[in-house]
Amino acid sequence: MKYTVDRIEGDFVVCENGSGGFENISLSAFDFAPKDGDTVQKQGDKYVLLKKETEQKMLSARERFERLRKK
């Protein structure tokens, strides 16, 4: 399952799951420093960054923002 990082709260990463719900995942389950908006996926007992998907989401959000700004 893929997750989107919503925020960091203390020692937990709050992630939105594919069903629209939220899950608290221990920060120690990440081998990198997750940021808001990152797309991650569980592999074994760790979570990995899905870099291309994260970049595509960020680009899409920027494009939508620019379109709104021009109106």
PDB file of N, CA and C in Angstrom:
ATOM      1  N   MET A   1       0.846  -1.177   0.000  1.00  0.00           N
ATOM      2  CA  MET A   1       0.000   0.000   0.000  1.00  0.00           C
ATOM      3  C   MET A   1       0.889   1.236   0.000  1.00  0.00           C
ATOM      4  N   LYS A   2       0.447   2.257  -0.710  1.00  0.00           N
ATOM      5  CA  LYS A   2       1.168   3.525  -0.765  1.00  0.00           C
ATOM      6  C   LYS A   2       0.539   4.490   0.230  1.00  0.00           C
ATOM      7  N   TYR A   3       1.376   5.348   0.784  1.00  0.00           N
ATOM      8  CA  TYR A   3       0.951   6.337   1.762  1.00  0.00           C
ATOM      9  C   TYR A   3       1.482   7.704   1.354  1.00  0.00           C
ATOM     10  N   THR A   4       0.786   8.742   1.764  1.00  0.00           N
ATOM     11  CA  THR A   4       1.265  10.107   1.588  1.00  0.00           C
ATOM     12  C   THR A   4       1.520  10.688   2.968  1.00  0.00           C
ATOM     13  N   VAL A   5       2.729  11.212   3.169  1.00  0.00           N
ATOM     14  CA  VAL A   5       3.081  11.798   4.456  1.00  0.00           C
ATOM     15  C   VAL A   5       2.287  13.081   4.635  1.00  0.00           C
ATOM     16  N   ASP A   6       1.537  13.163   5.712  1.00  0.00           N
ATOM     17  CA  ASP A   6       0.747  14.352   6.023  1.00  0.00           C
ATOM     18  C   ASP A   6       1.535  15.298   6.925  1.00  0.00           C
ATOM     19  N   ARG A   7       2.154  14.730   7.961  1.00  0.00           N
ATOM     20  CA  ARG A   7       2.910  15.566   8.906  1.00  0.00           C
ATOM     21  C   ARG A   7       3.730  14.667   9.824  1.00  0.00           C
ATOM     22  N   ILE A   8       4.659  15.304  10.524  1.00  0.00           N
ATOM     23  CA  ILE A   8       5.472  14.628  11.530  1.00  0.00           C
ATOM     24  C   ILE A   8       5.004  15.135  12.888  1.00  0.00           C
ATOM     25  N   GLU A   9       4.717  14.216  13.797  1.00  0.00           N
ATOM     26  CA  GLU A   9       4.318  14.569  15.162  1.00  0.00           C
ATOM     27  C   GLU A   9       5.182  13.787  16.132  1.00  0.00           C
ATOM     28  N   GLY A  10       6.171  14.452  16.695  1.00  0.00           N
ATOM     29  CA  GLY A  10       7.063  13.786  17.640  1.00  0.00           C
ATOM     30  C   GLY A  10       7.820  12.664  16.973  1.00  0.00           C
ATOM     31  N   ASP A  11       7.638  11.450  17.470  1.00  0.00           N
ATOM     32  CA  ASP A  11       8.326  10.277  16.935  1.00  0.00           C
ATOM     33  C   ASP A  11       7.477   9.511  15.928  1.00  0.00           C
ATOM     34  N   PHE A  12       6.408  10.147  15.435  1.00  0.00           N
ATOM     35  CA  PHE A  12       5.517   9.477  14.494  1.00  0.00           C
ATOM     36  C   PHE A  12       5.366  10.276  13.210  1.00  0.00           C
ATOM     37  N   VAL A  13       5.184   9.542  12.134  1.00  0.00           N
ATOM     38  CA  VAL A  13       4.871  10.126  10.839  1.00  0.00           C
ATOM     39  C   VAL A  13       3.396   9.820  10.595  1.00  0.00           C
ATOM     40  N   VAL A  14       2.592  10.854  10.452  1.00  0.00           N
ATOM     41  CA  VAL A  14       1.163  10.680  10.197  1.00  0.00           C
ATOM     42  C   VAL A  14       0.997  10.600   8.680  1.00  0.00           C
ATOM     43  N   CYS A  15       0.499   9.447   8.206  1.00  0.00           N
ATOM     44  CA  CYS A  15       0.375   9.202   6.771  1.00  0.00           C
ATOM     45  C   CYS A  15      -1.078   8.945   6.396  1.00  0.00           C
ATOM     46  N   GLU A  16      -1.459   9.462   5.236  1.00  0.00           N
ATOM     47  CA  GLU A  16      -2.777   9.163   4.692  1.00  0.00           C
ATOM     48  C   GLU A  16      -2.650   7.890   3.863  1.00  0.00           C
ATOM     49  N   ASN A  17      -3.526   6.937   4.144  1.00  0.00           N
ATOM     50  CA  ASN A  17      -3.493   5.696   3.366  1.00  0.00           C
ATOM     51  C   ASN A  17      -4.372   5.842   2.134  1.00  0.00           C
ATOM     52  N   GLY A  18      -4.384   4.870   1.286  1.00  0.00           N
ATOM     53  CA  GLY A  18      -5.139   4.927   0.037  1.00  0.00           C
ATOM     54  C   GLY A  18      -6.640   4.994   0.218  1.00  0.00           C
ATOM     55  N   SER A  19      -7.138   4.689   1.420  1.00  0.00           N
ATOM     56  CA  SER A  19      -8.574   4.708   1.693  1.00  0.00           C
ATOM     57  C   SER A  19      -9.060   6.034   2.262  1.00  0.00           C
ATOM     58  N   GLY A  20      -8.155   7.004   2.393  1.00  0.00           N
ATOM     59  CA  GLY A  20      -8.529   8.298   2.961  1.00  0.00           C
ATOM     60  C   GLY A  20      -8.391   8.365   4.464  1.00  0.00           C
ATOM     61  N   GLY A  21      -7.990   7.265   5.104  1.00  0.00           N
ATOM     62  CA  GLY A  21      -7.766   7.252   6.539  1.00  0.00           C
ATOM     63  C   GLY A  21      -6.327   7.625   6.858  1.00  0.00           C
ATOM     64  N   PHE A  22      -6.035   7.755   8.129  1.00  0.00           N
ATOM     65  CA  PHE A  22      -4.690   8.131   8.559  1.00  0.00           C
ATOM     66  C   PHE A  22      -4.108   7.062   9.463  1.00  0.00           C
ATOM     67  N   GLU A  23      -2.789   6.895   9.367  1.00  0.00           N
ATOM     68  CA  GLU A  23      -2.073   5.947  10.205  1.00  0.00           C
ATOM     69  C   GLU A  23      -0.835   6.624  10.780  1.00  0.00           C
ATOM     70  N   ASN A  24      -0.546   6.319  12.047  1.00  0.00           N
ATOM     71  CA  ASN A  24       0.671   6.805  12.682  1.00  0.00           C
ATOM     72  C   ASN A  24       1.737   5.730  12.523  1.00  0.00           C
ATOM     73  N   ILE A  25       2.845   6.099  11.893  1.00  0.00           N
ATOM     74  CA  ILE A  25       3.938   5.164  11.654  1.00  0.00           C
ATOM     75  C   ILE A  25       5.164   5.683  12.387  1.00  0.00           C
ATOM     76  N   SER A  26       5.856   4.805  13.085  1.00  0.00           N
ATOM     77  CA  SER A  26       7.041   5.194  13.843  1.00  0.00           C
ATOM     78  C   SER A  26       8.097   5.788  12.910  1.00  0.00           C
ATOM     79  N   LEU A  27       8.672   6.897  13.322  1.00  0.00           N
ATOM     80  CA  LEU A  27       9.717   7.558  12.554  1.00  0.00           C
ATOM     81  C   LEU A  27      10.906   6.623  12.335  1.00  0.00           C
ATOM     82  N   SER A  28      11.126   5.695  13.250  1.00  0.00           N
ATOM     83  CA  SER A  28      12.250   4.763  13.123  1.00  0.00           C
ATOM     84  C   SER A  28      12.059   3.772  11.971  1.00  0.00           C
ATOM     85  N   ALA A  29      10.862   3.694  11.391  1.00  0.00           N
ATOM     86  CA  ALA A  29      10.606   2.800  10.267  1.00  0.00           C
ATOM     87  C   ALA A  29      11.061   3.410   8.938  1.00  0.00           C
ATOM     88  N   PHE A  30      11.609   4.611   8.984  1.00  0.00           N
ATOM     89  CA  PHE A  30      12.069   5.310   7.787  1.00  0.00           C
ATOM     90  C   PHE A  30      13.585   5.413   7.821  1.00  0.00           C
ATOM     91  N   ASP A  31      14.229   5.084   6.684  1.00  0.00           N
ATOM     92  CA  ASP A  31      15.687   5.218   6.578  1.00  0.00           C
ATOM     93  C   ASP A  31      16.077   6.582   6.015  1.00  0.00           C
ATOM     94  N   PHE A  32      15.119   7.472   5.909  1.00  0.00           N
ATOM     95  CA  PHE A  32      15.352   8.827   5.400  1.00  0.00           C
ATOM     96  C   PHE A  32      14.477   9.771   6.214  1.00  0.00           C
ATOM     97  N   ALA A  33      14.672  11.051   6.041  1.00  0.00           N
ATOM     98  CA  ALA A  33      13.877  12.046   6.760  1.00  0.00           C
ATOM     99  C   ALA A  33      12.639  12.386   5.918  1.00  0.00           C
ATOM    100  N   PRO A  34      11.493  11.809   6.244  1.00  0.00           N
ATOM    101  CA  PRO A  34      10.291  12.084   5.446  1.00  0.00           C
ATOM    102  C   PRO A  34       9.837  13.530   5.600  1.00  0.00           C
ATOM    103  N   LYS A  35       9.223  14.033   4.510  1.00  0.00           N
ATOM    104  CA  LYS A  35       8.693  15.397   4.504  1.00  0.00           C
ATOM    105  C   LYS A  35       7.217  15.347   4.136  1.00  0.00           C
ATOM    106  N   ASP A  36       6.496  16.394   4.498  1.00  0.00           N
ATOM    107  CA  ASP A  36       5.089  16.506   4.125  1.00  0.00           C
ATOM    108  C   ASP A  36       4.958  16.349   2.612  1.00  0.00           C
ATOM    109  N   GLY A  37       4.014  15.518   2.188  1.00  0.00           N
ATOM    110  CA  GLY A  37       3.755  15.333   0.769  1.00  0.00           C
ATOM    111  C   GLY A  37       4.491  14.169   0.128  1.00  0.00           C
ATOM    112  N   ASP A  38       5.477  13.591   0.823  1.00  0.00           N
ATOM    113  CA  ASP A  38       6.200  12.445   0.268  1.00  0.00           C
ATOM    114  C   ASP A  38       5.261  11.259   0.075  1.00  0.00           C
ATOM    115  N   THR A  39       5.461  10.529  -1.015  1.00  0.00           N
ATOM    116  CA  THR A  39       4.757   9.275  -1.237  1.00  0.00           C
ATOM    117  C   THR A  39       5.704   8.160  -0.824  1.00  0.00           C
ATOM    118  N   VAL A  40       5.236   7.285   0.047  1.00  0.00           N
ATOM    119  CA  VAL A  40       6.073   6.207   0.570  1.00  0.00           C
ATOM    120  C   VAL A  40       5.342   4.883   0.449  1.00  0.00           C
ATOM    121  N   GLN A  41       6.121   3.800   0.525  1.00  0.00           N
ATOM    122  CA  GLN A  41       5.542   2.461   0.461  1.00  0.00           C
ATOM    123  C   GLN A  41       6.339   1.553   1.384  1.00  0.00           C
ATOM    124  N   LYS A  42       5.637   0.639   2.036  1.00  0.00           N
ATOM    125  CA  LYS A  42       6.294  -0.294   2.943  1.00  0.00           C
ATOM    126  C   LYS A  42       6.969  -1.402   2.149  1.00  0.00           C
ATOM    127  N   GLN A  43       8.233  -1.628   2.471  1.00  0.00           N
ATOM    128  CA  GLN A  43       8.981  -2.738   1.886  1.00  0.00           C
ATOM    129  C   GLN A  43       9.668  -3.452   3.035  1.00  0.00           C
ATOM    130  N   GLY A  44       9.191  -4.634   3.330  1.00  0.00           N
ATOM    131  CA  GLY A  44       9.703  -5.368   4.487  1.00  0.00           C
ATOM    132  C   GLY A  44       9.229  -4.675   5.752  1.00  0.00           C
ATOM    133  N   ASP A  45      10.162  -4.320   6.624  1.00  0.00           N
ATOM    134  CA  ASP A  45       9.791  -3.631   7.860  1.00  0.00           C
ATOM    135  C   ASP A  45      10.132  -2.139   7.812  1.00  0.00           C
ATOM    136  N   LYS A  46      10.482  -1.625   6.639  1.00  0.00           N
ATOM    137  CA  LYS A  46      10.830  -0.211   6.469  1.00  0.00           C
ATOM    138  C   LYS A  46       9.925   0.429   5.425  1.00  0.00           C
ATOM    139  N   TYR A  47       9.931   1.745   5.411  1.00  0.00           N
ATOM    140  CA  TYR A  47       9.197   2.509   4.407  1.00  0.00           C
ATOM    141  C   TYR A  47      10.197   3.210   3.510  1.00  0.00           C
ATOM    142  N   VAL A  48       9.945   3.156   2.198  1.00  0.00           N
ATOM    143  CA  VAL A  48      10.846   3.759   1.229  1.00  0.00           C
ATOM    144  C   VAL A  48      10.137   4.895   0.497  1.00  0.00           C
ATOM    145  N   LEU A  49      10.917   5.867   0.083  1.00  0.00           N
ATOM    146  CA  LEU A  49      10.407   7.009  -0.662  1.00  0.00           C
ATOM    147  C   LEU A  49      10.191   6.606  -2.110  1.00  0.00           C
ATOM    148  N   LEU A  50       9.018   6.932  -2.645  1.00  0.00           N
ATOM    149  CA  LEU A  50       8.731   6.738  -4.066  1.00  0.00           C
ATOM    150  C   LEU A  50       8.978   8.090  -4.726  1.00  0.00           C
ATOM    151  N   LYS A  51      10.231   8.299  -5.106  1.00  0.00           N
ATOM    152  CA  LYS A  51      10.691   9.616  -5.550  1.00  0.00           C
ATOM    153  C   LYS A  51       9.937  10.131  -6.778  1.00  0.00           C
ATOM    154  N   LYS A  52       9.789   9.302  -7.792  1.00  0.00           N
ATOM    155  CA  LYS A  52       9.112   9.764  -9.014  1.00  0.00           C
ATOM    156  C   LYS A  52       7.663  10.158  -8.749  1.00  0.00           C
ATOM    157  N   GLU A  53       6.959   9.359  -7.969  1.00  0.00           N
ATOM    158  CA  GLU A  53       5.566   9.687  -7.650  1.00  0.00           C
ATOM    159  C   GLU A  53       5.469  10.962  -6.835  1.00  0.00           C
ATOM    160  N   THR A  54       6.396  11.151  -5.895  1.00  0.00           N
ATOM    161  CA  THR A  54       6.414  12.372  -5.091  1.00  0.00           C
ATOM    162  C   THR A  54       6.647  13.579  -5.985  1.00  0.00           C
ATOM    163  N   GLU A  55       7.628  13.482  -6.885  1.00  0.00           N
ATOM    164  CA  GLU A  55       7.931  14.593  -7.786  1.00  0.00           C
ATOM    165  C   GLU A  55       6.748  14.915  -8.694  1.00  0.00           C
ATOM    166  N   GLN A  56       6.073  13.878  -9.203  1.00  0.00           N
ATOM    167  CA  GLN A  56       4.915  14.098 -10.075  1.00  0.00           C
ATOM    168  C   GLN A  56       3.786  14.800  -9.332  1.00  0.00           C
ATOM    169  N   LYS A  57       3.532  14.395  -8.084  1.00  0.00           N
ATOM    170  CA  LYS A  57       2.484  15.048  -7.284  1.00  0.00           C
ATOM    171  C   LYS A  57       2.816  16.514  -7.033  1.00  0.00           C
ATOM    172  N   MET A  58       4.078  16.788  -6.709  1.00  0.00           N
ATOM    173  CA  MET A  58       4.494  18.164  -6.434  1.00  0.00           C
ATOM    174  C   MET A  58       4.378  19.026  -7.687  1.00  0.00           C
ATOM    175  N   LEU A  59       4.787  18.486  -8.840  1.00  0.00           N
ATOM    176  CA  LEU A  59       4.690  19.216 -10.098  1.00  0.00           C
ATOM    177  C   LEU A  59       3.236  19.503 -10.440  1.00  0.00           C
ATOM    178  N   SER A  60       2.380  18.509 -10.259  1.00  0.00           N
ATOM    179  CA  SER A  60       0.962  18.683 -10.541  1.00  0.00           C
ATOM    180  C   SER A  60       0.347  19.757  -9.640  1.00  0.00           C
ATOM    181  N   ALA A  61       0.710  19.759  -8.379  1.00  0.00           N
ATOM    182  CA  ALA A  61       0.195  20.769  -7.440  1.00  0.00           C
ATOM    183  C   ALA A  61       0.670  22.165  -7.834  1.00  0.00           C
ATOM    184  N   ARG A  62       1.943  22.280  -8.217  1.00  0.00           N
ATOM    185  CA  ARG A  62       2.465  23.591  -8.651  1.00  0.00           C
ATOM    186  C   ARG A  62       1.740  24.087  -9.893  1.00  0.00           C
ATOM    187  N   GLU A  63       1.487  23.188 -10.847  1.00  0.00           N
ATOM    188  CA  GLU A  63       0.785  23.569 -12.072  1.00  0.00           C
ATOM    189  C   GLU A  63      -0.631  24.039 -11.768  1.00  0.00           C
ATOM    190  N   ARG A  64      -1.331  23.322 -10.889  1.00  0.00           N
ATOM    191  CA  ARG A  64      -2.693  23.745 -10.507  1.00  0.00           C
ATOM    192  C   ARG A  64      -2.668  25.113  -9.840  1.00  0.00           C
ATOM    193  N   PHE A  65      -1.693  25.330  -8.961  1.00  0.00           N
ATOM    194  CA  PHE A  65      -1.574  26.615  -8.277  1.00  0.00           C
ATOM    195  C   PHE A  65      -1.345  27.735  -9.287  1.00  0.00           C
ATOM    196  N   GLU A  66      -0.469  27.513 -10.255  1.00  0.00           N
ATOM    197  CA  GLU A  66      -0.182  28.541 -11.271  1.00  0.00           C
ATOM    198  C   GLU A  66      -1.419  28.837 -12.098  1.00  0.00           C
ATOM    199  N   ARG A  67      -2.187  27.798 -12.459  1.00  0.00           N
ATOM    200  CA  ARG A  67      -3.432  28.029 -13.210  1.00  0.00           C
ATOM    201  C   ARG A  67      -4.410  28.864 -12.396  1.00  0.00           C
ATOM    202  N   LEU A  68      -4.535  28.586 -11.111  1.00  0.00           N
ATOM    203  CA  LEU A  68      -5.446  29.362 -10.258  1.00  0.00           C
ATOM    204  C   LEU A  68      -4.974  30.794 -10.119  1.00  0.00           C
ATOM    205  N   ARG A  69      -3.679  30.974 -10.018  1.00  0.00           N
ATOM    206  CA  ARG A  69      -3.117  32.316  -9.861  1.00  0.00           C
ATOM    207  C   ARG A  69      -3.378  33.195 -11.069  1.00  0.00           C
ATOM    208  N   LYS A  70      -3.455  32.594 -12.235  1.00  0.00           N
ATOM    209  CA  LYS A  70      -3.644  33.353 -13.479  1.00  0.00           C
ATOM    210  C   LYS A  70      -5.081  33.785 -13.671  1.00  0.00           C
ATOM    211  N   LYS A  71      -6.014  33.186 -12.953  1.00  0.00           N
ATOM    212  CA  LYS A  71      -7.441  33.544 -13.124  1.00  0.00           C
ATOM    213  C   LYS A  71      -7.764  34.846 -12.486  1.00  0.00           C
TER     214      LYS A  71
END
